[in-house]
Amino acid sequence: MLDPIGNVARKIEILSWEPWWAWHPVRVHGELTWFCTVYRRCINTYVDHDDWTRYEYGNIFDIVKQ
């Protein structure tokens, strides 16, 4: 499904922050962090019946900003 400009229509759904144990290295504000509790949220992008899931990692200050 195309919009009038010719771009593909998409829907982005951002879920809430959840505590998550970083069992593998993840980037939190540019620094690698692992073996501790960080916060992550799932960002789903739906395009033409395909869904792409990516995760964003943060700390307690990201929750307070939201």
PDB file of N, CA and C in Angstrom:
ATOM      1  N   MET A   1       0.846  -1.174   0.000  1.00  0.00           N
ATOM      2  CA  MET A   1       0.000   0.000   0.000  1.00  0.00           C
ATOM      3  C   MET A   1       0.894   1.241   0.000  1.00  0.00           C
ATOM      4  N   LEU A   2       0.698   2.124  -0.959  1.00  0.00           N
ATOM      5  CA  LEU A   2       1.525   3.321  -1.074  1.00  0.00           C
ATOM      6  C   LEU A   2       0.735   4.552  -0.673  1.00  0.00           C
ATOM      7  N   ASP A   3       1.425   5.492  -0.079  1.00  0.00           N
ATOM      8  CA  ASP A   3       0.770   6.765   0.195  1.00  0.00           C
ATOM      9  C   ASP A   3       0.892   7.633  -1.061  1.00  0.00           C
ATOM     10  N   PRO A   4       0.253   8.802  -1.117  1.00  0.00           N
ATOM     11  CA  PRO A   4       0.251   9.614  -2.335  1.00  0.00           C
ATOM     12  C   PRO A   4       1.643  10.034  -2.815  1.00  0.00           C
ATOM     13  N   ILE A   5       2.611  10.100  -1.929  1.00  0.00           N
ATOM     14  CA  ILE A   5       3.954  10.528  -2.311  1.00  0.00           C
ATOM     15  C   ILE A   5       4.732   9.366  -2.932  1.00  0.00           C
ATOM     16  N   GLY A   6       4.296   8.122  -2.713  1.00  0.00           N
ATOM     17  CA  GLY A   6       4.989   6.966  -3.247  1.00  0.00           C
ATOM     18  C   GLY A   6       5.787   6.205  -2.210  1.00  0.00           C
ATOM     19  N   ASN A   7       5.757   6.662  -0.978  1.00  0.00           N
ATOM     20  CA  ASN A   7       6.454   5.952   0.090  1.00  0.00           C
ATOM     21  C   ASN A   7       5.608   4.782   0.565  1.00  0.00           C
ATOM     22  N   VAL A   8       6.243   3.786   1.125  1.00  0.00           N
ATOM     23  CA  VAL A   8       5.541   2.635   1.659  1.00  0.00           C
ATOM     24  C   VAL A   8       4.892   3.024   2.982  1.00  0.00           C
ATOM     25  N   ALA A   9       3.642   2.626   3.155  1.00  0.00           N
ATOM     26  CA  ALA A   9       2.949   2.922   4.407  1.00  0.00           C
ATOM     27  C   ALA A   9       3.521   2.045   5.513  1.00  0.00           C
ATOM     28  N   ARG A  10       3.735   2.606   6.669  1.00  0.00           N
ATOM     29  CA  ARG A  10       4.286   1.844   7.781  1.00  0.00           C
ATOM     30  C   ARG A  10       3.646   2.273   9.090  1.00  0.00           C
ATOM     31  N   LYS A  11       3.682   1.377  10.027  1.00  0.00           N
ATOM     32  CA  LYS A  11       3.172   1.645  11.368  1.00  0.00           C
ATOM     33  C   LYS A  11       4.280   1.314  12.350  1.00  0.00           C
ATOM     34  N   ILE A  12       4.576   2.217  13.251  1.00  0.00           N
ATOM     35  CA  ILE A  12       5.619   2.003  14.260  1.00  0.00           C
ATOM     36  C   ILE A  12       4.945   1.965  15.625  1.00  0.00           C
ATOM     37  N   GLU A  13       5.233   0.902  16.362  1.00  0.00           N
ATOM     38  CA  GLU A  13       4.660   0.724  17.688  1.00  0.00           C
ATOM     39  C   GLU A  13       5.806   0.642  18.693  1.00  0.00           C
ATOM     40  N   ILE A  14       5.816   1.547  19.662  1.00  0.00           N
ATOM     41  CA  ILE A  14       6.868   1.589  20.682  1.00  0.00           C
ATOM     42  C   ILE A  14       6.265   1.126  22.000  1.00  0.00           C
ATOM     43  N   LEU A  15       6.807   0.045  22.544  1.00  0.00           N
ATOM     44  CA  LEU A  15       6.312  -0.500  23.797  1.00  0.00           C
ATOM     45  C   LEU A  15       6.997   0.179  24.977  1.00  0.00           C
ATOM     46  N   SER A  16       6.561  -0.125  26.182  1.00  0.00           N
ATOM     47  CA  SER A  16       7.105   0.542  27.366  1.00  0.00           C
ATOM     48  C   SER A  16       8.439  -0.081  27.788  1.00  0.00           C
ATOM     49  N   TRP A  17       9.162   0.656  28.618  1.00  0.00           N
ATOM     50  CA  TRP A  17      10.449   0.180  29.131  1.00  0.00           C
ATOM     51  C   TRP A  17      10.216  -0.956  30.112  1.00  0.00           C
ATOM     52  N   GLU A  18      11.065  -1.991  30.048  1.00  0.00           N
ATOM     53  CA  GLU A  18      11.008  -3.133  30.957  1.00  0.00           C
ATOM     54  C   GLU A  18      12.419  -3.426  31.455  1.00  0.00           C
ATOM     55  N   PRO A  19      12.570  -3.832  32.729  1.00  0.00           N
ATOM     56  CA  PRO A  19      13.899  -4.229  33.196  1.00  0.00           C
ATOM     57  C   PRO A  19      14.326  -5.521  32.494  1.00  0.00           C
ATOM     58  N   TRP A  20      15.602  -5.619  32.170  1.00  0.00           N
ATOM     59  CA  TRP A  20      16.116  -6.767  31.432  1.00  0.00           C
ATOM     60  C   TRP A  20      17.536  -7.049  31.864  1.00  0.00           C
ATOM     61  N   TRP A  21      17.857  -8.330  32.122  1.00  0.00           N
ATOM     62  CA  TRP A  21      19.221  -8.720  32.495  1.00  0.00           C
ATOM     63  C   TRP A  21      20.058  -8.799  31.227  1.00  0.00           C
ATOM     64  N   ALA A  22      21.095  -7.999  31.127  1.00  0.00           N
ATOM     65  CA  ALA A  22      21.944  -7.949  29.938  1.00  0.00           C
ATOM     66  C   ALA A  22      22.939  -9.105  29.985  1.00  0.00           C
ATOM     67  N   TRP A  23      22.542 -10.235  29.445  1.00  0.00           N
ATOM     68  CA  TRP A  23      23.402 -11.415  29.455  1.00  0.00           C
ATOM     69  C   TRP A  23      24.408 -11.395  28.308  1.00  0.00           C
ATOM     70  N   HIS A  24      24.244 -10.483  27.386  1.00  0.00           N
ATOM     71  CA  HIS A  24      25.233 -10.275  26.328  1.00  0.00           C
ATOM     72  C   HIS A  24      25.475  -8.769  26.218  1.00  0.00           C
ATOM     73  N   PRO A  25      26.591  -8.347  25.642  1.00  0.00           N
ATOM     74  CA  PRO A  25      26.895  -6.910  25.580  1.00  0.00           C
ATOM     75  C   PRO A  25      25.847  -6.128  24.779  1.00  0.00           C
ATOM     76  N   VAL A  26      25.365  -5.039  25.350  1.00  0.00           N
ATOM     77  CA  VAL A  26      24.433  -4.133  24.674  1.00  0.00           C
ATOM     78  C   VAL A  26      24.959  -2.710  24.833  1.00  0.00           C
ATOM     79  N   ARG A  27      24.575  -1.843  23.930  1.00  0.00           N
ATOM     80  CA  ARG A  27      24.997  -0.436  24.003  1.00  0.00           C
ATOM     81  C   ARG A  27      23.936   0.382  24.733  1.00  0.00           C
ATOM     82  N   VAL A  28      24.374   1.022  25.803  1.00  0.00           N
ATOM     83  CA  VAL A  28      23.524   1.954  26.549  1.00  0.00           C
ATOM     84  C   VAL A  28      24.214   3.303  26.473  1.00  0.00           C
ATOM     85  N   HIS A  29      23.668   4.212  25.687  1.00  0.00           N
ATOM     86  CA  HIS A  29      24.230   5.549  25.491  1.00  0.00           C
ATOM     87  C   HIS A  29      25.682   5.502  25.021  1.00  0.00           C
ATOM     88  N   GLY A  30      25.958   4.587  24.087  1.00  0.00           N
ATOM     89  CA  GLY A  30      27.277   4.522  23.480  1.00  0.00           C
ATOM     90  C   GLY A  30      28.296   3.659  24.204  1.00  0.00           C
ATOM     91  N   GLU A  31      27.961   3.155  25.378  1.00  0.00           N
ATOM     92  CA  GLU A  31      28.900   2.326  26.144  1.00  0.00           C
ATOM     93  C   GLU A  31      28.394   0.889  26.182  1.00  0.00           C
ATOM     94  N   LEU A  32      29.305  -0.070  26.009  1.00  0.00           N
ATOM     95  CA  LEU A  32      28.940  -1.475  26.120  1.00  0.00           C
ATOM     96  C   LEU A  32      28.704  -1.834  27.577  1.00  0.00           C
ATOM     97  N   THR A  33      27.600  -2.509  27.844  1.00  0.00           N
ATOM     98  CA  THR A  33      27.224  -2.904  29.204  1.00  0.00           C
ATOM     99  C   THR A  33      26.733  -4.336  29.161  1.00  0.00           C
ATOM    100  N   TRP A  34      27.132  -5.137  30.139  1.00  0.00           N
ATOM    101  CA  TRP A  34      26.578  -6.482  30.250  1.00  0.00           C
ATOM    102  C   TRP A  34      26.741  -6.993  31.668  1.00  0.00           C
ATOM    103  N   PHE A  35      26.052  -8.093  31.970  1.00  0.00           N
ATOM    104  CA  PHE A  35      26.005  -8.709  33.292  1.00  0.00           C
ATOM    105  C   PHE A  35      25.470  -7.761  34.356  1.00  0.00           C
ATOM    106  N   CYS A  36      24.455  -6.985  33.988  1.00  0.00           N
ATOM    107  CA  CYS A  36      23.756  -6.126  34.944  1.00  0.00           C
ATOM    108  C   CYS A  36      22.344  -5.890  34.415  1.00  0.00           C
ATOM    109  N   THR A  37      21.519  -5.285  35.205  1.00  0.00           N
ATOM    110  CA  THR A  37      20.149  -5.010  34.790  1.00  0.00           C
ATOM    111  C   THR A  37      20.094  -3.659  34.093  1.00  0.00           C
ATOM    112  N   VAL A  38      19.562  -3.654  32.887  1.00  0.00           N
ATOM    113  CA  VAL A  38      19.334  -2.431  32.124  1.00  0.00           C
ATOM    114  C   VAL A  38      17.849  -2.402  31.765  1.00  0.00           C
ATOM    115  N   TYR A  39      17.419  -1.353  31.142  1.00  0.00           N
ATOM    116  CA  TYR A  39      16.041  -1.260  30.688  1.00  0.00           C
ATOM    117  C   TYR A  39      16.029  -1.321  29.168  1.00  0.00           C
ATOM    118  N   ARG A  40      15.032  -2.013  28.616  1.00  0.00           N
ATOM    119  CA  ARG A  40      14.922  -2.071  27.166  1.00  0.00           C
ATOM    120  C   ARG A  40      13.459  -1.961  26.779  1.00  0.00           C
ATOM    121  N   ARG A  41      13.250  -1.464  25.571  1.00  0.00           N
ATOM    122  CA  ARG A  41      11.899  -1.410  25.025  1.00  0.00           C
ATOM    123  C   ARG A  41      11.949  -1.911  23.587  1.00  0.00           C
ATOM    124  N   CYS A  42      10.866  -2.496  23.198  1.00  0.00           N
ATOM    125  CA  CYS A  42      10.744  -3.089  21.873  1.00  0.00           C
ATOM    126  C   CYS A  42      10.108  -2.069  20.945  1.00  0.00           C
ATOM    127  N   ILE A  43      10.664  -1.944  19.747  1.00  0.00           N
ATOM    128  CA  ILE A  43      10.107  -1.052  18.741  1.00  0.00           C
ATOM    129  C   ILE A  43       9.775  -1.913  17.526  1.00  0.00           C
ATOM    130  N   ASN A  44       8.483  -2.069  17.256  1.00  0.00           N
ATOM    131  CA  ASN A  44       8.023  -2.866  16.124  1.00  0.00           C
ATOM    132  C   ASN A  44       7.654  -1.943  14.977  1.00  0.00           C
ATOM    133  N   THR A  45       8.135  -2.275  13.791  1.00  0.00           N
ATOM    134  CA  THR A  45       7.784  -1.544  12.582  1.00  0.00           C
ATOM    135  C   THR A  45       7.075  -2.506  11.648  1.00  0.00           C
ATOM    136  N   TYR A  46       5.864  -2.165  11.275  1.00  0.00           N
ATOM    137  CA  TYR A  46       5.074  -3.011  10.382  1.00  0.00           C
ATOM    138  C   TYR A  46       5.037  -2.368   9.004  1.00  0.00           C
ATOM    139  N   VAL A  47       5.520  -3.104   7.996  1.00  0.00           N
ATOM    140  CA  VAL A  47       5.520  -2.612   6.623  1.00  0.00           C
ATOM    141  C   VAL A  47       5.050  -3.745   5.724  1.00  0.00           C
ATOM    142  N   ASP A  48       3.943  -3.553   5.035  1.00  0.00           N
ATOM    143  CA  ASP A  48       3.450  -4.531   4.067  1.00  0.00           C
ATOM    144  C   ASP A  48       3.447  -5.961   4.607  1.00  0.00           C
ATOM    145  N   HIS A  49       2.845  -6.169   5.733  1.00  0.00           N
ATOM    146  CA  HIS A  49       2.695  -7.477   6.370  1.00  0.00           C
ATOM    147  C   HIS A  49       4.009  -8.071   6.858  1.00  0.00           C
ATOM    148  N   ASP A  50       5.078  -7.322   6.841  1.00  0.00           N
ATOM    149  CA  ASP A  50       6.334  -7.737   7.459  1.00  0.00           C
ATOM    150  C   ASP A  50       6.462  -6.962   8.763  1.00  0.00           C
ATOM    151  N   ASP A  51       7.054  -7.581   9.749  1.00  0.00           N
ATOM    152  CA  ASP A  51       7.314  -6.826  10.974  1.00  0.00           C
ATOM    153  C   ASP A  51       8.783  -6.937  11.326  1.00  0.00           C
ATOM    154  N   TRP A  52       9.360  -5.808  11.669  1.00  0.00           N
ATOM    155  CA  TRP A  52      10.754  -5.716  12.069  1.00  0.00           C
ATOM    156  C   TRP A  52      10.778  -5.321  13.527  1.00  0.00           C
ATOM    157  N   THR A  53      11.475  -6.117  14.304  1.00  0.00           N
ATOM    158  CA  THR A  53      11.580  -5.847  15.734  1.00  0.00           C
ATOM    159  C   THR A  53      13.009  -5.430  16.043  1.00  0.00           C
ATOM    160  N   ARG A  54      13.134  -4.332  16.756  1.00  0.00           N
ATOM    161  CA  ARG A  54      14.447  -3.924  17.251  1.00  0.00           C
ATOM    162  C   ARG A  54      14.274  -3.496  18.699  1.00  0.00           C
ATOM    163  N   TYR A  55      15.359  -3.505  19.422  1.00  0.00           N
ATOM    164  CA  TYR A  55      15.324  -3.153  20.827  1.00  0.00           C
ATOM    165  C   TYR A  55      16.184  -1.925  21.075  1.00  0.00           C
ATOM    166  N   GLU A  56      15.708  -1.104  21.988  1.00  0.00           N
ATOM    167  CA  GLU A  56      16.451   0.073  22.413  1.00  0.00           C
ATOM    168  C   GLU A  56      16.756  -0.111  23.894  1.00  0.00           C
ATOM    169  N   TYR A  57      17.987   0.159  24.291  1.00  0.00           N
ATOM    170  CA  TYR A  57      18.418  -0.051  25.669  1.00  0.00           C
ATOM    171  C   TYR A  57      18.683   1.285  26.338  1.00  0.00           C
ATOM    172  N   GLY A  58      18.354   1.352  27.627  1.00  0.00           N
ATOM    173  CA  GLY A  58      18.551   2.597  28.362  1.00  0.00           C
ATOM    174  C   GLY A  58      18.755   2.337  29.840  1.00  0.00           C
ATOM    175  N   ASN A  59      18.743   3.413  30.600  1.00  0.00           N
ATOM    176  CA  ASN A  59      18.896   3.318  32.047  1.00  0.00           C
ATOM    177  C   ASN A  59      17.712   4.008  32.721  1.00  0.00           C
ATOM    178  N   ILE A  60      17.780   4.159  33.996  1.00  0.00           N
ATOM    179  CA  ILE A  60      16.651   4.713  34.763  1.00  0.00           C
ATOM    180  C   ILE A  60      16.330   6.148  34.335  1.00  0.00           C
ATOM    181  N   PHE A  61      17.323   6.885  33.853  1.00  0.00           N
ATOM    182  CA  PHE A  61      17.090   8.268  33.458  1.00  0.00           C
ATOM    183  C   PHE A  61      16.239   8.357  32.185  1.00  0.00           C
ATOM    184  N   ASP A  62      16.311   7.336  31.328  1.00  0.00           N
ATOM    185  CA  ASP A  62      15.443   7.311  30.149  1.00  0.00           C
ATOM    186  C   ASP A  62      13.983   7.115  30.542  1.00  0.00           C
ATOM    187  N   ILE A  63      13.746   6.339  31.577  1.00  0.00           N
ATOM    188  CA  ILE A  63      12.375   6.135  32.062  1.00  0.00           C
ATOM    189  C   ILE A  63      11.840   7.423  32.671  1.00  0.00           C
ATOM    190  N   VAL A  64      12.680   8.122  33.425  1.00  0.00           N
ATOM    191  CA  VAL A  64      12.251   9.374  34.057  1.00  0.00           C
ATOM    192  C   VAL A  64      11.947  10.435  32.996  1.00  0.00           C
ATOM    193  N   LYS A  65      12.752  10.482  31.914  1.00  0.00           N
ATOM    194  CA  LYS A  65      12.518  11.455  30.846  1.00  0.00           C
ATOM    195  C   LYS A  65      11.204  11.210  30.132  1.00  0.00           C
ATOM    196  N   GLN A  66      10.800   9.966  30.058  1.00  0.00           N
ATOM    197  CA  GLN A  66       9.582   9.635  29.336  1.00  0.00           C
ATOM    198  C   GLN A  66       8.410   9.998  30.173  1.00  0.00           C
TER     199      GLN A  66
END
